């Protein structure tokens, strides 16, 4: 549970950065693009003793990890387009509900529950989906400008988030055989994200859509460090629980939602709707049902 808790905390730090960016006129895209080199440097600092980074194309997983890193950037861009065309509410729900993909793959394809799932665990998974939907739903007055096939954008966001999270689980199962391999493999993924992010940033600068500013680069530091650590700890949590995405991903998602709601309430004075409050209560119940065996072992 320790690594899972850390991953949740670092993920909430990421969201806090995004929440503060508009206040200081930070370009979110630039911060994300520049955060990946910071991620890379953070990973190098955490490299286990005796190991070094290398890009070995004779390894089966190298191209897979690089393309997964590119997938991170594609997912981010899709989220941006979907938010612009179909609204924040639809995009946010698509993002959060996407956890159903790695959960189902973990249960029925990878079959890596880490332990047998019983009726209470499955009930917890169902409640977790409802909790995520209700607790993140925001009634919006925004006008949706989408037309034609734009309605497919939230579906694309749903699929990409689900696929990338499932791919992380697959990579961990097949290529990270021990915890000391986590950093070297993760760094290859980050390198893929760096290459894709810099290419997209260069295109946007050439088109006049972005103007690089020092403040955006500085903002990427507070984003990049917790970004790498959240990802690193999530992989360690998957390893600790036998690569059970069905166990880890629901707890991770609803843990982030609960802690984010607390931080938003305390520091940003954000209010929750009745549906949000019901969702948070369901989230607590879902955590209890999904992990009831772990809770029982404490007593």
Protein backbone atom coordinates (compact mmCIF):
# COMPACT_ATOMS: atom_id res chain seq x y z
CA UNK A 1 0.00 0.00 0.00
CA UNK A 2 2.95 2.32 0.65
CA UNK A 3 3.84 2.79 -3.04
CA UNK A 4 0.17 3.17 -3.95
CA UNK A 5 -0.21 5.96 -1.37
CA UNK A 6 2.90 7.70 -2.70
CA UNK A 7 1.65 7.45 -6.28
CA UNK A 8 -1.67 9.03 -5.26
CA UNK A 9 0.08 11.88 -3.41
CA UNK A 10 2.42 12.67 -6.32
CA UNK A 11 -0.48 12.51 -8.79
CA UNK A 12 -2.41 15.06 -6.75
CA UNK A 13 0.66 17.31 -6.79
CA UNK A 14 0.48 17.11 -10.58
CA UNK A 15 -3.16 18.19 -10.59
CA UNK A 16 -2.34 21.01 -8.17
CA UNK A 17 0.22 22.31 -10.67
CA UNK A 18 -2.40 22.36 -13.42
CA UNK A 19 -4.81 24.12 -11.09
CA UNK A 20 -2.27 26.90 -10.42
CA UNK A 21 -1.05 27.42 -14.00
CA UNK A 22 -3.86 29.78 -15.12
CA UNK A 23 -3.22 32.00 -12.09
CA UNK A 24 0.38 32.57 -13.22
CA UNK A 25 -0.34 32.52 -16.98
CA UNK A 26 1.66 29.35 -17.50
CA UNK A 27 1.32 27.55 -20.84
CA UNK A 28 0.07 24.08 -19.89
CA UNK A 29 1.29 22.58 -23.15
CA UNK A 30 4.82 23.97 -22.75
CA UNK A 31 4.96 22.85 -19.13
CA UNK A 32 3.96 19.33 -20.18
CA UNK A 33 6.41 19.25 -23.11
CA UNK A 34 9.32 20.44 -20.94
CA UNK A 35 8.33 18.29 -17.98
CA UNK A 36 9.47 15.10 -19.70
CA UNK A 37 13.18 16.07 -19.76
CA UNK A 38 12.76 16.83 -16.04
CA UNK A 39 11.19 13.38 -15.63
CA UNK A 40 14.21 11.89 -17.39
CA UNK A 41 16.68 13.66 -15.09
CA UNK A 42 14.65 12.58 -12.04
CA UNK A 43 14.81 8.97 -13.23
CA UNK A 44 18.55 9.18 -13.75
CA UNK A 45 18.93 10.43 -10.17
CA UNK A 46 16.95 7.38 -8.95
CA UNK A 47 18.88 4.88 -11.07
CA UNK A 48 19.89 1.87 -8.93
CA UNK A 49 23.57 1.62 -8.10
CA UNK A 50 25.52 -0.24 -10.73
CA UNK A 51 23.00 0.45 -13.50
CA UNK A 52 23.13 3.00 -16.29
CA UNK A 53 20.73 4.18 -18.96
CA UNK A 54 21.07 2.69 -22.42
CA UNK A 55 18.86 2.55 -25.47
CA UNK A 56 19.29 -1.05 -26.59
CA UNK A 57 17.28 -1.80 -29.72
CA UNK A 58 18.12 -5.50 -29.50
CA UNK A 59 15.77 -5.73 -26.52
CA UNK A 60 12.18 -6.70 -27.41
CA UNK A 61 10.64 -4.07 -25.15
CA UNK A 62 12.60 -0.98 -26.32
CA UNK A 63 10.37 -0.02 -29.26
CA UNK A 64 7.29 -0.92 -27.23
CA UNK A 65 8.34 1.43 -24.43
CA UNK A 66 9.23 4.24 -26.85
CA UNK A 67 5.84 4.03 -28.58
CA UNK A 68 4.13 3.96 -25.19
CA UNK A 69 5.87 7.26 -24.39
CA UNK A 70 4.59 8.69 -27.69
CA UNK A 71 1.14 7.46 -26.63
CA UNK A 72 1.30 9.74 -23.57
CA UNK A 73 1.63 12.81 -25.83
CA UNK A 74 -1.10 11.61 -28.22
CA UNK A 75 -3.44 11.08 -25.27
CA UNK A 76 -2.73 14.58 -23.98
CA UNK A 77 -3.39 16.15 -27.40
CA UNK A 78 -6.65 14.21 -27.79
CA UNK A 79 -7.74 15.42 -24.35
CA UNK A 80 -7.07 19.00 -25.43
CA UNK A 81 -9.02 18.66 -28.68
CA UNK A 82 -11.89 16.89 -26.93
CA UNK A 83 -12.09 19.58 -24.23
CA UNK A 84 -12.20 22.31 -26.88
CA UNK A 85 -14.84 20.63 -29.06
CA UNK A 86 -16.96 18.54 -26.70
CA UNK A 87 -16.40 20.23 -23.35
CA UNK A 88 -14.55 19.54 -20.12
CA UNK A 89 -17.28 17.39 -18.55
CA UNK A 90 -17.44 14.81 -21.35
CA UNK A 91 -13.64 14.65 -21.60
CA UNK A 92 -13.12 14.30 -17.85
CA UNK A 93 -15.68 11.51 -17.60
CA UNK A 94 -14.11 9.70 -20.57
CA UNK A 95 -10.71 9.95 -18.88
CA UNK A 96 -11.86 8.66 -15.50
CA UNK A 97 -14.18 5.90 -16.71
CA UNK A 98 -11.35 4.55 -18.89
CA UNK A 99 -10.11 2.60 -15.86
CA UNK A 100 -12.61 -0.10 -16.89
CA UNK A 101 -10.24 -1.12 -19.73
CA UNK A 102 -7.14 -2.00 -17.65
CA UNK A 103 -9.38 -3.56 -14.98
CA UNK A 104 -11.11 -5.91 -17.43
CA UNK A 105 -7.82 -6.74 -19.18
CA UNK A 106 -6.19 -7.52 -15.84
CA UNK A 107 -9.05 -9.81 -14.80
CA UNK A 108 -9.82 -11.64 -18.02
CA UNK A 109 -6.79 -11.34 -20.33
CA UNK A 110 -3.69 -11.01 -18.15
CA UNK A 111 -5.42 -12.89 -15.29
CA UNK A 112 -3.14 -11.19 -12.77
CA UNK A 113 -5.46 -10.60 -9.85
CA UNK A 114 -2.58 -11.27 -7.47
CA UNK A 115 -5.18 -13.12 -5.43
CA UNK A 116 -8.66 -14.57 -6.15
CA UNK A 117 -11.40 -11.94 -6.50
CA UNK A 118 -14.61 -12.69 -4.63
CA UNK A 119 -18.10 -11.20 -4.85
CA UNK A 120 -17.28 -8.27 -2.56
CA UNK A 121 -14.25 -7.34 -4.65
CA UNK A 122 -16.30 -7.34 -7.86
CA UNK A 123 -19.00 -5.27 -6.18
CA UNK A 124 -16.30 -2.80 -5.17
CA UNK A 125 -15.15 -2.52 -8.80
CA UNK A 126 -18.69 -1.71 -9.95
CA UNK A 127 -19.08 0.88 -7.20
CA UNK A 128 -15.69 2.35 -8.11
CA UNK A 129 -16.87 3.09 -11.64
CA UNK A 130 -19.99 4.79 -10.31
CA UNK A 131 -17.94 6.67 -7.73
CA UNK A 132 -15.50 7.98 -10.36
CA UNK A 133 -18.34 9.16 -12.60
CA UNK A 134 -20.33 10.88 -9.85
CA UNK A 135 -17.44 12.44 -7.95
CA UNK A 136 -15.88 14.01 -11.05
CA UNK A 137 -19.08 15.18 -12.72
CA UNK A 138 -19.35 18.94 -12.99
CA UNK A 139 -22.50 20.60 -14.25
CA UNK A 140 -21.34 22.84 -17.04
CA UNK A 141 -22.86 25.81 -18.81
CA UNK A 142 -20.15 25.72 -21.49
CA UNK A 143 -21.27 25.72 -25.10
CA UNK A 144 -20.09 22.73 -27.06
CA UNK A 145 -18.77 23.63 -30.52
CA UNK A 146 -18.35 20.07 -31.75
CA UNK A 147 -19.89 19.07 -35.05
CA UNK A 148 -19.73 16.15 -37.45
CA UNK A 149 -17.46 13.42 -36.09
CA UNK A 150 -16.24 15.50 -33.12
CA UNK A 151 -18.40 13.33 -30.85
CA UNK A 152 -15.77 10.62 -31.37
CA UNK A 153 -13.13 12.66 -29.50
CA UNK A 154 -14.26 11.69 -25.96
CA UNK A 155 -14.41 8.08 -27.16
CA UNK A 156 -10.84 8.40 -28.44
CA UNK A 157 -9.78 9.84 -25.05
CA UNK A 158 -11.49 6.93 -23.28
CA UNK A 159 -9.70 4.39 -25.49
CA UNK A 160 -6.27 6.04 -25.36
CA UNK A 161 -6.23 6.41 -21.57
CA UNK A 162 -7.43 2.83 -21.22
CA UNK A 163 -4.91 1.50 -23.73
CA UNK A 164 -1.93 3.35 -22.24
CA UNK A 165 -2.76 2.19 -18.70
CA UNK A 166 -3.25 -1.37 -19.94
CA UNK A 167 0.03 -1.16 -21.85
CA UNK A 168 1.85 -0.07 -18.70
CA UNK A 169 0.46 -3.14 -16.93
CA UNK A 170 1.49 -5.39 -19.84
CA UNK A 171 5.00 -3.89 -19.89
CA UNK A 172 5.34 -4.44 -16.16
CA UNK A 173 4.19 -8.06 -16.39
CA UNK A 174 6.46 -9.04 -19.27
CA UNK A 175 9.54 -6.81 -19.11
CA UNK A 176 10.01 -5.51 -15.58
CA UNK A 177 10.80 -8.76 -13.87
CA UNK A 178 12.22 -7.12 -10.74
CA UNK A 179 11.81 -3.75 -9.02
CA UNK A 180 15.38 -2.68 -9.86
CA UNK A 181 14.45 -2.71 -13.56
CA UNK A 182 11.67 -0.16 -13.07
CA UNK A 183 13.76 2.98 -13.60
CA UNK A 184 15.69 1.87 -16.74
CA UNK A 185 12.51 0.72 -18.52
CA UNK A 186 10.55 3.80 -17.42
CA UNK A 187 13.29 6.08 -18.76
CA UNK A 188 12.85 4.61 -22.24
CA UNK A 189 9.14 5.46 -22.09
CA UNK A 190 9.98 8.98 -20.96
CA UNK A 191 12.44 9.32 -23.87
CA UNK A 192 9.62 8.49 -26.29
CA UNK A 193 7.49 11.18 -24.69
CA UNK A 194 10.37 13.68 -24.90
CA UNK A 195 10.86 13.10 -28.63
CA UNK A 196 7.14 13.34 -29.41
CA UNK A 197 6.63 16.35 -27.14
CA UNK A 198 9.54 18.31 -28.59
CA UNK A 199 8.41 17.62 -32.17
CA UNK A 200 4.88 18.84 -31.44
CA UNK A 201 6.22 21.87 -29.55
CA UNK A 202 8.54 22.77 -32.46
CA UNK A 203 5.61 22.59 -34.90
CA UNK A 204 3.47 24.82 -32.67
CA UNK A 205 6.31 27.36 -32.30
CA UNK A 206 6.89 27.45 -36.09
CA UNK A 207 3.15 28.00 -36.64
CA UNK A 208 3.16 30.82 -34.11
CA UNK A 209 0.86 28.94 -31.72
CA UNK A 210 3.44 28.94 -28.92
CA UNK A 211 6.08 31.37 -27.71
CA UNK A 212 8.63 29.75 -25.43
CA UNK A 213 9.01 31.59 -22.12
CA UNK A 214 11.35 30.93 -19.19
CA UNK A 215 8.46 30.80 -16.70
CA UNK A 216 6.98 27.82 -18.57
CA UNK A 217 10.29 25.97 -18.38
CA UNK A 218 10.57 26.70 -14.66
CA UNK A 219 6.98 25.52 -14.14
CA UNK A 220 7.90 22.21 -15.78
CA UNK A 221 10.27 21.44 -12.88
CA UNK A 222 7.49 21.28 -10.28
CA UNK A 223 5.53 19.16 -12.76
CA UNK A 224 8.26 16.81 -13.93
CA UNK A 225 9.53 15.58 -10.57
CA UNK A 226 6.15 14.43 -9.16
CA UNK A 227 5.17 13.18 -12.64
CA UNK A 228 8.04 10.71 -12.74
CA UNK A 229 7.62 9.75 -9.08
CA UNK A 230 3.87 9.11 -9.47
CA UNK A 231 4.50 6.86 -12.46
CA UNK A 232 7.46 5.14 -10.78
CA UNK A 233 5.49 4.43 -7.60
CA UNK A 234 2.47 3.22 -9.59
CA UNK A 235 4.63 0.61 -11.34
CA UNK A 236 6.11 -0.45 -7.99
CA UNK A 237 2.55 -0.74 -6.61
CA UNK A 238 1.58 -2.96 -9.55
CA UNK A 239 4.64 -5.12 -8.88
CA UNK A 240 3.84 -5.34 -5.17
CA UNK A 241 0.30 -6.58 -5.92
CA UNK A 242 1.24 -9.16 -8.53
CA UNK A 243 0.50 -6.80 -11.44
CA UNK A 244 -3.17 -6.79 -10.52
CA UNK A 245 -4.48 -3.83 -12.48
CA UNK A 246 -7.97 -4.78 -11.28
CA UNK A 247 -6.84 -4.04 -7.73
CA UNK A 248 -4.39 -1.18 -8.20
CA UNK A 249 -6.06 1.04 -10.83
CA UNK A 250 -9.46 1.46 -9.11
CA UNK A 251 -7.79 2.24 -5.77
CA UNK A 252 -5.38 4.62 -7.48
CA UNK A 253 -8.13 6.49 -9.37
CA UNK A 254 -10.51 6.91 -6.48
CA UNK A 255 -7.63 7.68 -4.12
CA UNK A 256 -6.58 10.55 -6.41
CA UNK A 257 -10.18 11.76 -6.57
CA UNK A 258 -10.63 11.72 -2.78
CA UNK A 259 -7.35 13.48 -2.03
CA UNK A 260 -7.87 15.98 -4.87
CA UNK A 261 -11.31 16.84 -3.49
CA UNK A 262 -9.78 17.43 -0.05
CA UNK A 263 -6.97 19.62 -1.43
CA UNK A 264 -9.40 21.57 -3.63
CA UNK A 265 -11.71 22.18 -0.67
CA UNK A 266 -8.96 23.27 1.74
CA UNK A 267 -6.75 25.33 -0.55
CA UNK A 268 -9.01 26.43 -3.41
CA UNK A 269 -12.36 26.62 -1.60
CA UNK A 270 -14.01 24.49 -4.27
CA UNK A 271 -17.49 23.26 -3.43
CA UNK A 272 -18.90 19.84 -4.19
CA UNK A 273 -22.33 19.17 -5.61
CA UNK A 274 -24.66 16.61 -4.04
CA UNK A 275 -23.72 14.13 -6.78
CA UNK A 276 -20.02 14.70 -6.06
CA UNK A 277 -20.55 14.01 -2.36
CA UNK A 278 -22.46 10.81 -3.13
CA UNK A 279 -19.62 9.81 -5.44
CA UNK A 280 -17.01 10.36 -2.72
CA UNK A 281 -19.01 8.26 -0.25
CA UNK A 282 -19.28 5.51 -2.87
CA UNK A 283 -15.52 5.81 -3.41
CA UNK A 284 -14.81 5.15 0.27
CA UNK A 285 -17.15 2.15 0.21
CA UNK A 286 -15.54 0.89 -3.00
CA UNK A 287 -12.06 1.10 -1.45
CA UNK A 288 -13.27 -0.95 1.51
CA UNK A 289 -14.82 -3.64 -0.71
CA UNK A 290 -11.93 -3.90 -3.19
CA UNK A 291 -9.33 -4.18 -0.42
CA UNK A 292 -11.34 -5.83 2.35
CA UNK A 293 -8.85 -8.72 2.58
CA UNK A 294 -5.98 -6.27 3.20
CA UNK A 295 -8.03 -4.37 5.79
CA UNK A 296 -8.98 -7.62 7.53
CA UNK A 297 -5.31 -8.65 7.76
CA UNK A 298 -4.59 -5.53 9.84
CA UNK A 299 -6.75 -6.81 12.69
